[in-house]
Protein backbone atom coordinates (compact mmCIF):
# COMPACT_ATOMS: atom_id res chain seq x y z
CA MET A 1 98.87 80.61 -32.91
CA LEU A 2 99.03 83.60 -30.57
CA VAL A 3 95.75 82.69 -28.88
CA ALA A 4 96.91 79.08 -28.46
CA GLY A 5 100.19 80.14 -26.86
CA ILE A 6 98.55 82.61 -24.47
CA SER A 7 95.83 80.10 -23.53
CA THR A 8 98.39 77.43 -22.67
CA TYR A 9 100.41 79.91 -20.61
CA ILE A 10 97.30 80.87 -18.63
CA TRP A 11 96.45 77.20 -18.05
CA ASP A 12 99.99 76.17 -17.04
CA GLY A 13 100.27 79.20 -14.76
CA ARG A 14 97.22 77.92 -12.83
CA TYR A 15 95.49 81.28 -13.22
CA ILE A 16 92.11 79.75 -14.11
CA GLN A 17 92.42 77.17 -11.33
CA SER A 18 93.40 79.85 -8.82
CA CYS A 19 90.39 82.00 -9.76
CA HIS A 20 88.10 79.00 -9.42
CA GLN A 21 89.59 78.18 -6.03
CA TYR A 22 89.25 81.78 -4.86
CA ILE A 23 85.56 81.87 -5.83
CA CYS A 24 84.93 78.52 -4.10
CA ASN A 25 86.63 79.75 -0.91
CA LYS A 26 84.54 82.91 -0.92
CA LEU A 27 81.36 80.87 -1.35
CA ARG A 28 82.38 78.53 1.50
CA GLN A 29 83.04 81.52 3.74
CA GLN A 30 79.68 83.02 2.86
CA VAL A 31 77.84 79.74 3.55
CA HIS A 32 79.76 79.29 6.82
CA ARG A 33 78.95 82.84 7.89
CA SER A 34 75.27 82.32 7.10
CA ARG A 35 75.20 79.12 9.14
CA LEU A 36 76.91 80.86 12.08
CA ASP A 37 74.39 83.69 11.99
CA ALA A 38 71.53 81.19 11.94
CA ALA A 39 73.08 79.20 14.79
CA ARG A 40 73.64 82.33 16.90
CA LEU A 41 70.04 83.39 16.37
CA ASP A 42 68.77 79.96 17.34
CA CYS A 43 70.96 79.88 20.47
CA ALA A 44 69.88 83.36 21.45
CA ILE A 45 66.27 82.30 21.21
CA ARG A 46 66.92 79.14 23.27
CA GLY A 47 69.26 80.92 25.74
CA TYR A 48 72.35 78.83 24.93
CA ALA A 49 75.97 80.04 24.73
CA THR A 50 77.30 81.04 21.33
CA ASP A 51 80.96 80.00 21.56
CA PHE A 52 81.56 78.76 17.98
CA ASP A 53 83.46 81.23 15.88
CA ALA A 54 85.85 78.82 14.18
CA PRO A 55 86.91 80.08 10.74
CA PRO A 56 85.70 78.14 7.72
CA PRO A 57 88.08 75.70 6.03
CA VAL A 58 90.03 77.31 3.23
CA GLU A 59 91.87 75.33 0.60
CA LYS A 60 95.52 76.13 0.13
CA PRO A 61 96.34 77.96 -3.10
CA LEU A 62 97.80 75.91 -5.91
CA PRO A 63 101.59 76.25 -6.14
CA PRO A 64 102.88 77.74 -9.39
CA LEU A 65 104.71 75.47 -11.81
CA PRO A 66 108.52 75.65 -11.46
CA ARG A 67 110.54 77.32 -14.18
CA SER A 68 112.44 74.08 -14.71
CA TRP A 69 113.20 71.05 -12.60
CA PRO A 70 116.72 70.77 -11.13
CA GLY A 71 119.16 69.02 -13.38
CA LYS A 72 116.76 68.87 -16.28
CA SER A 73 116.75 70.52 -19.66
CA PRO A 74 113.76 72.45 -21.01
CA GLN A 75 112.86 69.43 -23.14
CA GLN A 76 112.67 67.27 -20.00
CA SER A 77 110.60 69.94 -18.29
CA LEU A 78 108.13 69.77 -21.19
CA GLN A 79 108.06 65.98 -20.87
CA ARG A 80 107.28 66.25 -17.18
CA LEU A 81 104.60 68.88 -17.84
CA SER A 82 102.90 66.54 -20.30
CA GLY A 83 103.36 63.43 -18.12
CA ASN A 84 105.57 61.68 -20.67
CA GLU A 85 108.79 61.68 -18.68
CA SER A 86 110.58 58.36 -18.81
CA ASN A 87 112.52 56.80 -15.92
CA SER A 88 114.94 55.12 -18.29
CA THR A 89 118.47 56.46 -18.26
CA ASP A 90 118.76 56.12 -22.03
CA ALA A 91 115.62 58.20 -22.59
CA ARG A 92 116.83 61.15 -20.53
CA LEU A 93 117.99 64.15 -22.48
CA PRO A 94 121.30 65.77 -21.51
CA SER A 95 121.15 68.90 -19.42
CA PRO A 96 122.65 72.17 -20.69
CA SER A 97 125.68 71.62 -18.44
CA THR A 98 126.82 68.43 -20.16
CA ALA A 99 129.56 68.05 -22.71
CA ASN A 100 127.10 68.46 -25.59
CA GLU A 101 126.58 72.11 -24.71
CA SER A 102 129.33 73.23 -27.05
CA GLU A 103 127.63 71.42 -29.94
CA ALA A 104 124.22 72.95 -29.24
CA GLU A 105 125.43 76.54 -29.17
CA ILE A 106 126.81 78.87 -31.80
CA PRO A 107 129.56 80.78 -29.95
CA ALA A 108 129.32 83.83 -32.23
CA MET A 109 125.53 84.08 -31.86
CA THR A 110 124.64 86.30 -28.92
CA TRP A 111 121.26 87.55 -27.83
CA GLN A 112 122.17 91.02 -29.11
CA LEU A 113 122.97 89.69 -32.59
CA GLY A 114 119.88 87.49 -32.58
CA SER A 115 117.69 90.43 -31.61
CA LEU A 116 119.27 92.54 -34.36
CA ILE A 117 118.52 89.86 -36.97
CA LEU A 118 114.90 89.59 -35.86
CA LEU A 119 114.48 93.38 -35.78
CA THR A 120 116.04 93.80 -39.23
CA PHE A 121 113.86 91.09 -40.74
CA GLY A 122 110.75 92.55 -39.10
CA LEU A 123 111.40 96.03 -40.48
CA ALA A 124 112.19 94.70 -43.96
CA PHE A 125 109.07 92.55 -43.90
CA ILE A 126 106.85 95.50 -42.92
CA ALA A 127 108.39 97.68 -45.65
CA ILE A 128 107.96 95.07 -48.40
CA ILE A 129 104.37 94.24 -47.46
CA THR A 130 103.51 97.96 -47.25
CA ILE A 131 104.85 98.54 -50.77
CA HIS A 132 102.93 95.48 -51.98
CA ILE A 133 99.66 96.89 -50.59
CA LEU A 134 100.13 100.51 -51.66
CA LEU A 135 101.53 99.74 -55.13
CA PRO A 136 99.66 96.65 -56.38
CA HIS A 137 100.62 97.19 -60.04
CA LEU A 138 104.36 96.66 -59.74
CA GLN A 139 106.19 94.02 -61.74
CA ARG A 140 105.16 90.41 -61.38
CA THR A 141 108.54 89.44 -59.93
CA PHE A 142 108.16 91.83 -56.98
CA GLN A 143 104.56 90.74 -56.39
CA LEU A 144 105.69 87.12 -56.44
CA PHE A 145 108.49 87.84 -53.96
CA SER A 146 106.30 89.82 -51.53
CA SER A 147 103.44 87.29 -51.66
CA LEU A 148 105.67 84.31 -50.97
CA LEU A 149 107.58 86.27 -48.30
CA LEU A 150 104.27 86.76 -46.50
CA ALA A 151 103.39 83.09 -46.95
CA GLY A 152 106.78 81.97 -45.61
CA THR A 153 106.40 84.21 -42.56
CA VAL A 154 102.90 83.26 -41.48
CA ILE A 155 103.19 79.50 -42.09
CA PHE A 156 103.09 77.39 -38.92
CA GLY A 157 103.18 73.62 -39.10
CA GLY A 158 104.87 73.25 -42.48
CA GLY A 159 104.01 70.26 -44.62
CA PRO A 160 100.47 70.36 -46.03
CA VAL A 161 99.80 73.75 -44.40
CA VAL A 162 101.76 75.49 -47.16
CA ILE A 163 99.56 74.13 -49.97
CA PRO A 164 96.34 76.10 -49.23
CA LEU A 165 98.36 79.29 -48.66
CA LEU A 166 100.14 78.90 -51.99
CA ASN A 167 96.79 78.32 -53.65
CA THR A 168 95.60 81.65 -52.21
CA TYR A 169 98.71 83.67 -53.07
CA ILE A 170 99.55 82.16 -56.48
CA VAL A 171 96.38 80.74 -58.04
CA SER A 172 93.87 83.36 -56.89
CA PRO A 173 95.68 86.26 -58.69
CA GLY A 174 95.62 84.20 -61.90
CA TRP A 175 99.37 83.63 -62.18
CA VAL A 176 99.01 79.83 -62.27
CA SER A 177 95.98 77.85 -63.43
CA PRO A 178 94.22 75.58 -60.91
CA ARG A 179 94.95 72.57 -63.13
CA ASP A 180 98.71 73.20 -63.18
CA PHE A 181 98.64 73.84 -59.43
CA LEU A 182 96.88 70.54 -58.64
CA LEU A 183 99.15 68.58 -60.96
CA GLY A 184 102.15 70.13 -59.22
CA VAL A 185 100.67 69.18 -55.82
CA ALA A 186 100.37 65.56 -56.95
CA VAL A 187 103.98 65.52 -58.18
CA ILE A 188 105.44 67.17 -55.07
CA GLN A 189 103.57 64.75 -52.78
CA ALA A 190 105.07 61.82 -54.65
CA PHE A 191 108.65 63.04 -54.18
CA PRO A 192 110.68 63.23 -50.95
CA GLY A 193 111.59 66.53 -49.39
CA PRO A 194 109.63 69.44 -47.91
CA ASN A 195 106.54 70.82 -49.61
CA PHE A 196 108.23 74.22 -49.61
CA ASN A 197 110.11 73.07 -52.71
CA PHE A 198 106.78 73.34 -54.52
CA VAL A 199 107.31 77.11 -54.75
CA VAL A 200 110.14 76.63 -57.27
CA TYR A 201 107.68 75.04 -59.69
CA LEU A 202 105.07 77.73 -59.01
CA GLY A 203 107.60 80.55 -59.36
CA ALA A 204 108.64 79.34 -62.80
CA LEU A 205 105.00 79.18 -63.94
CA ALA A 206 104.04 82.51 -62.37
CA VAL A 207 106.37 84.52 -64.65
CA GLN A 208 105.70 82.57 -67.85
CA HIS A 209 103.69 85.42 -69.44
CA THR A 210 106.17 88.17 -68.49
CA ARG A 211 109.58 89.23 -69.73
CA ALA A 212 111.31 87.53 -66.80
CA PRO A 213 112.83 84.09 -67.55
CA SER A 214 111.39 81.09 -65.77
CA PHE A 215 114.58 80.36 -63.80
CA LEU A 216 114.42 83.88 -62.32
CA GLY A 217 110.87 83.26 -61.08
CA ALA A 218 111.97 79.95 -59.58
CA ALA A 219 114.93 81.59 -57.80
CA ILE A 220 112.78 84.46 -56.48
CA ALA A 221 110.15 82.04 -55.16
CA PHE A 222 112.80 79.89 -53.47
CA LEU A 223 114.45 82.90 -51.82
CA ALA A 224 111.16 84.44 -50.66
CA MET A 225 109.85 81.20 -49.13
CA TYR A 226 112.98 80.14 -47.25
CA THR A 227 114.29 83.52 -46.06
CA PRO A 228 111.68 84.11 -43.29
CA GLY A 229 112.22 80.71 -41.68
CA LEU A 230 116.00 81.03 -41.77
CA ALA A 231 115.93 84.56 -40.33
CA ILE A 232 113.57 83.61 -37.50
CA VAL A 233 115.45 80.43 -36.58
CA VAL A 234 118.86 82.12 -36.62
CA GLY A 235 117.53 85.08 -34.66
CA PHE A 236 115.96 82.90 -31.97
CA THR A 237 119.19 80.91 -31.68
CA GLY A 238 120.76 83.91 -29.96
CA LEU A 239 117.77 84.30 -27.64
CA TRP A 240 117.39 80.61 -26.88
CA ARG A 241 119.72 80.57 -23.89
CA LEU A 242 117.76 83.40 -22.28
CA ILE A 243 114.22 82.08 -22.75
CA SER A 244 114.55 78.30 -23.14
CA GLU A 245 114.00 77.65 -19.40
CA LYS A 246 111.33 80.28 -18.82
CA ARG A 247 108.10 78.73 -17.64
CA TRP A 248 105.96 81.06 -19.76
CA PHE A 249 108.00 80.28 -22.89
CA LEU A 250 107.62 76.51 -22.44
CA ALA A 251 103.88 76.95 -22.01
CA VAL A 252 103.63 79.10 -25.14
CA LEU A 253 105.59 76.51 -27.15
CA ARG A 254 103.18 73.77 -26.08
CA GLY A 255 100.22 75.87 -27.20
CA VAL A 256 101.81 76.77 -30.53
CA ASN A 257 102.61 73.12 -31.19
CA ALA A 258 99.00 72.09 -30.52
CA ALA A 259 97.66 74.85 -32.79
CA ALA A 260 100.06 73.81 -35.57
CA VAL A 261 98.66 70.27 -35.44
CA GLY A 262 95.17 71.74 -35.83
CA LEU A 263 96.30 73.73 -38.85
CA ILE A 264 97.65 70.56 -40.45
CA PHE A 265 94.24 68.90 -40.09
CA THR A 266 92.64 71.98 -41.67
CA ALA A 267 95.09 71.93 -44.58
CA VAL A 268 94.50 68.22 -45.22
CA TYR A 269 90.74 68.83 -45.30
CA LYS A 270 91.20 71.65 -47.84
CA LEU A 271 93.29 69.36 -50.01
CA TRP A 272 90.50 66.79 -49.78
CA GLN A 273 88.06 69.40 -51.04
CA ILE A 274 90.06 70.17 -54.22
CA GLY A 275 91.93 66.91 -54.79
CA ARG A 276 89.85 65.48 -57.62
CA LEU A 277 90.90 66.80 -61.02
CA THR A 278 88.68 65.98 -64.02
CA ALA A 279 87.89 67.46 -67.42
CA GLU A 280 84.67 68.95 -66.04
CA PHE A 281 86.31 70.34 -62.88
CA GLN A 282 89.65 71.85 -63.89
CA GLY A 283 89.82 73.70 -60.57
CA GLY A 284 89.38 70.52 -58.55
CA SER A 285 86.45 68.98 -56.72
CA PRO A 286 86.04 66.98 -53.45
CA LEU A 287 87.51 63.49 -53.41
CA GLY A 288 84.32 62.28 -51.73
CA GLY A 289 82.51 62.44 -55.07
CA ASP A 290 84.37 59.35 -56.32
CA PRO A 291 84.05 56.16 -54.19
CA TRP A 292 87.21 54.72 -55.78
CA LEU A 293 89.28 57.69 -54.60
CA VAL A 294 87.71 57.41 -51.13
CA MET A 295 88.79 53.76 -51.03
CA ILE A 296 92.36 54.69 -52.04
CA THR A 297 92.51 57.39 -49.37
CA ALA A 298 91.16 55.10 -46.65
CA THR A 299 93.53 52.30 -47.65
CA ALA A 300 96.55 54.60 -47.49
CA TYR A 301 95.51 55.96 -44.09
CA VAL A 302 94.76 52.58 -42.52
CA GLY A 303 97.90 51.02 -43.98
CA GLY A 304 100.13 53.80 -42.68
CA ALA A 305 98.48 54.16 -39.27
CA TRP A 306 98.04 50.51 -38.26
CA PHE A 307 99.98 48.25 -40.63
CA GLY A 308 103.25 50.16 -40.95
CA VAL A 309 103.05 50.72 -44.72
CA ASN A 310 105.81 53.07 -45.83
CA ALA A 311 104.89 56.31 -47.59
CA PRO A 312 106.63 55.40 -50.92
CA VAL A 313 104.77 52.08 -51.02
CA ALA A 314 101.43 53.82 -50.34
CA ILE A 315 102.12 56.41 -53.08
CA LEU A 316 103.03 53.74 -55.64
CA ALA A 317 99.95 51.71 -54.68
CA GLY A 318 97.74 54.79 -55.06
CA GLY A 319 99.20 55.53 -58.49
CA THR A 320 98.66 51.92 -59.56
CA LEU A 321 95.05 52.00 -58.40
CA GLY A 322 94.55 55.26 -60.30
CA ILE A 323 95.79 53.58 -63.50
CA VAL A 324 93.45 50.64 -62.83
CA ARG A 325 90.52 53.03 -62.52
CA TRP A 326 91.50 54.80 -65.75
CA CYS A 327 91.74 51.52 -67.63
CA ALA A 328 88.41 50.29 -66.30
CA ILE A 329 86.33 53.47 -66.64
CA ASP A 330 87.93 56.42 -68.40
CA ALA A 331 89.79 54.59 -71.18
């Protein structure tokens, strides 16, 4: 995410283009100087005058991108940067000086308070992760909290991205079996709401062989997963007015957004690799090993992408086709 943000900032700042232009200008000057020297030598040999010292043509440097366009909000600036700005009056977003400004701000949230929240969360996060590394044999409840706190902090993209991370932090230590994890994934995908709610199910299972009750594990998992996002969002709310129109910040946001989309593709591929649960493969196997499951996946994708099939309809159709396969083969 950091590399994506910095790369987009460098590209939007025209630094690469400026370096390329500088090198081209230097090469043109060198070629022009070589031609002048050759022409002077030829004229000296022939006895002609050498009155041609015109400077070589130099391209003008590329102008830097403006911080924001007049009368436009940062969102409109991003639209113009990406070439998606609409000329329709209804499609234009209100500027910060409109009447909706009071609704977009939290009057009590200042940049000082936002910075304090971010600093406090950062210090607490470092302390908890340090204890988790130095003292790996603490109680399961603390290990669960620190692991999910780390997962909630480093997750970008949400949605399917959280599933592979939870598999690493919950299944790999042996707290939850791969079979229970994959069954929970299937259930959470069939229900509305964010995939982050999956941690409540995992938290209850993670403490099942300890003295802690299951509801305590569920509450700890919920708190650990949602606290980082809330702290970061609330903290940046105070800083938003200071950095929302900065050119470098808009460029970094574009890069982070693109990298998050890439992470979602990666997470979906990992789910594909462990999505098939059978008696022989309790830990999951690739869906590509069963042509029927490949057909269900392709049908759901094509129906949602080109035929407007709603997600609940696709889920119910996939479940029905799974029952048909069970009746025809497994039963």
